[in-house]
Structure formats: structure tokens, C-alpha cells
Amino acid sequence: MSGRTGVSIEKEGNEKTLKFESIEELMEYVEKEAQRRVEKTLGKYGRLGQTEAYDRVIVKLLKDFKQPLSVELISFLTGISKSRCCKILSKLEKKWRIIKKVTVSKASYYTLS
């Protein structure tokens, strides 16, 4: 495979045309763009977990997302371990009554009270 394809992509919003000399160049661009978008989306909550108390991070996350979130998703977005998330969610629910647990066919989701 020569690697020469002359691939070009047109972006609709900015009317910007990107040209790539090879599939490898295109794949590298796609990888970098995907990584940039992931960091933009997840970076906010991951950084919060490093600077603020975990319970505050989880409350902010639930406030930003209006729909209930699973423990797995909360853990993924914040970078807090799943077991730690469970402990914090339990405390927020039972002791402080800030959040409530919604159970749907064996799956638990959390939302603000």
C-alpha cells in the first residue's frame, strides 16, 4: 500500500477544507480530534476531583446533568473510583438527603433531591 490517497475533508461550519496526503495522516488527525473532544468533555469533572471534595464534585455533576446518572458513569466522568463513589453517594443520600436514588430493574441511578 503506497499510503498516497489525497484524502480531503470539508468542515461545514467553518467552510474549512482539510487535506491529507495519506490515510495515516487522516487517522492521526481523527485520533487527535477525538482525544481533544474527550478532554474537553471529561476534563472539567476530572480536574474538579483533584481540587475539590468528592461530594462537591458529584453534586456539581448531578446539577449539570439534569437526568439521573449511574454510579459507573459518575465514576467515569469524575475519575473517582466506583467503590468511593458508592460510599459518597450513600452519604449524600442518607445523611445529607441532597440526592435520591432511583432504581430501575436492578440498576441504580442518582439525581438531586
Protein backbone atom coordinates (compact mmCIF):
# COMPACT_ATOMS: atom_id res chain seq x y z
CA MET A 1 0.00 0.00 0.00
CA SER A 2 1.58 3.27 -1.08
CA GLY A 3 -0.18 5.43 1.53
CA ARG A 4 -0.91 8.19 -1.04
CA THR A 5 -4.61 8.86 -1.24
CA GLY A 6 -5.12 12.62 -1.39
CA VAL A 7 -7.97 12.48 1.13
CA SER A 8 -9.75 15.77 1.82
CA ILE A 9 -12.45 16.62 4.34
CA GLU A 10 -14.71 19.65 4.28
CA LYS A 11 -15.96 21.04 7.56
CA GLU A 12 -19.42 22.54 7.21
CA GLY A 13 -19.42 25.18 9.95
CA ASN A 14 -16.17 26.96 9.17
CA GLU A 15 -16.07 26.02 5.48
CA LYS A 16 -12.54 24.80 6.11
CA THR A 17 -11.07 22.10 3.91
CA LEU A 18 -8.51 19.74 5.39
CA LYS A 19 -6.27 17.82 3.03
CA PHE A 20 -4.32 14.73 3.94
CA GLU A 21 -1.62 13.08 1.89
CA SER A 22 -2.20 9.62 3.34
CA ILE A 23 -4.62 7.51 5.30
CA GLU A 24 -2.12 7.52 8.18
CA GLU A 25 -2.26 11.34 8.29
CA LEU A 26 -6.06 11.23 8.29
CA MET A 27 -6.14 8.64 11.08
CA GLU A 28 -3.69 10.69 13.15
CA TYR A 29 -5.92 13.75 12.75
CA VAL A 30 -9.03 11.77 13.74
CA GLU A 31 -7.26 10.38 16.82
CA LYS A 32 -6.09 13.83 17.96
CA GLU A 33 -9.53 15.37 17.37
CA ALA A 34 -11.25 12.57 19.33
CA GLN A 35 -8.78 12.99 22.21
CA ARG A 36 -9.34 16.76 22.23
CA ARG A 37 -13.11 16.31 22.42
CA VAL A 38 -12.86 13.73 25.22
CA GLU A 39 -10.59 16.01 27.24
CA LYS A 40 -12.94 18.94 26.69
CA THR A 41 -15.96 16.96 27.86
CA LEU A 42 -14.43 14.95 30.69
CA GLY A 43 -11.63 17.25 31.73
CA LYS A 44 -13.88 19.58 33.68
CA TYR A 45 -15.06 16.95 36.14
CA GLY A 46 -11.75 15.09 36.29
CA ARG A 47 -9.97 18.31 37.30
CA LEU A 48 -12.65 19.07 39.88
CA GLY A 49 -11.94 15.72 41.53
CA GLN A 50 -8.33 16.75 42.03
CA THR A 51 -9.07 20.11 43.63
CA GLU A 52 -12.39 19.78 45.44
CA ALA A 53 -14.01 17.37 47.86
CA TYR A 54 -15.51 14.37 46.09
CA ASP A 55 -19.01 15.03 47.40
CA ARG A 56 -18.98 18.54 45.92
CA VAL A 57 -17.78 17.20 42.58
CA ILE A 58 -20.60 14.65 42.46
CA VAL A 59 -23.23 17.25 43.40
CA LYS A 60 -21.94 19.61 40.68
CA LEU A 61 -22.04 16.77 38.17
CA LEU A 62 -25.62 15.85 39.06
CA LYS A 63 -26.59 19.53 38.89
CA ASP A 64 -25.08 19.91 35.40
CA PHE A 65 -26.71 16.74 34.08
CA LYS A 66 -30.43 17.12 34.66
CA GLN A 67 -31.15 13.39 34.24
CA PRO A 68 -30.21 10.62 36.71
CA LEU A 69 -26.70 9.14 36.34
CA SER A 70 -25.44 5.66 37.17
CA VAL A 71 -22.56 5.01 39.58
CA GLU A 72 -20.47 3.78 36.65
CA LEU A 73 -21.00 6.99 34.68
CA ILE A 74 -20.34 9.20 37.72
CA SER A 75 -17.13 7.29 38.36
CA PHE A 76 -16.07 7.55 34.72
CA LEU A 77 -16.75 11.28 34.43
CA THR A 78 -15.10 12.26 37.71
CA GLY A 79 -12.23 9.78 37.87
CA ILE A 80 -13.34 8.77 41.37
CA SER A 81 -13.22 5.01 41.97
CA LYS A 82 -16.53 3.17 41.83
CA SER A 83 -16.31 1.99 45.45
CA ARG A 84 -15.56 5.53 46.66
CA CYS A 85 -18.48 6.85 44.58
CA CYS A 86 -20.82 4.35 46.23
CA LYS A 87 -19.74 5.47 49.71
CA ILE A 88 -20.10 9.15 48.87
CA LEU A 89 -23.47 8.66 47.15
CA SER A 90 -24.75 6.72 50.14
CA LYS A 91 -23.65 9.51 52.50
CA LEU A 92 -25.20 12.21 50.30
CA GLU A 93 -28.44 10.25 50.12
CA LYS A 94 -28.90 9.01 53.69
CA LYS A 95 -27.09 11.52 55.88
CA TRP A 96 -27.47 14.79 53.99
CA ARG A 97 -30.53 13.98 51.83
CA ILE A 98 -29.08 16.03 48.96
CA ILE A 99 -29.60 13.33 46.35
CA LYS A 100 -32.03 10.49 45.81
CA LYS A 101 -31.57 7.02 44.43
CA VAL A 102 -33.78 5.81 41.61
CA THR A 103 -33.80 2.07 40.97
CA VAL A 104 -34.95 0.70 37.64
CA SER A 105 -34.84 -3.08 37.12
CA LYS A 106 -31.79 -3.72 39.32
CA ALA A 107 -29.90 -0.64 38.06
CA SER A 108 -29.44 2.34 40.38
CA TYR A 109 -29.32 5.94 39.23
CA TYR A 110 -28.81 9.09 41.26
CA THR A 111 -30.28 12.56 40.92
CA LEU A 112 -30.58 15.66 43.05
CA SER A 113 -33.47 15.68 45.51
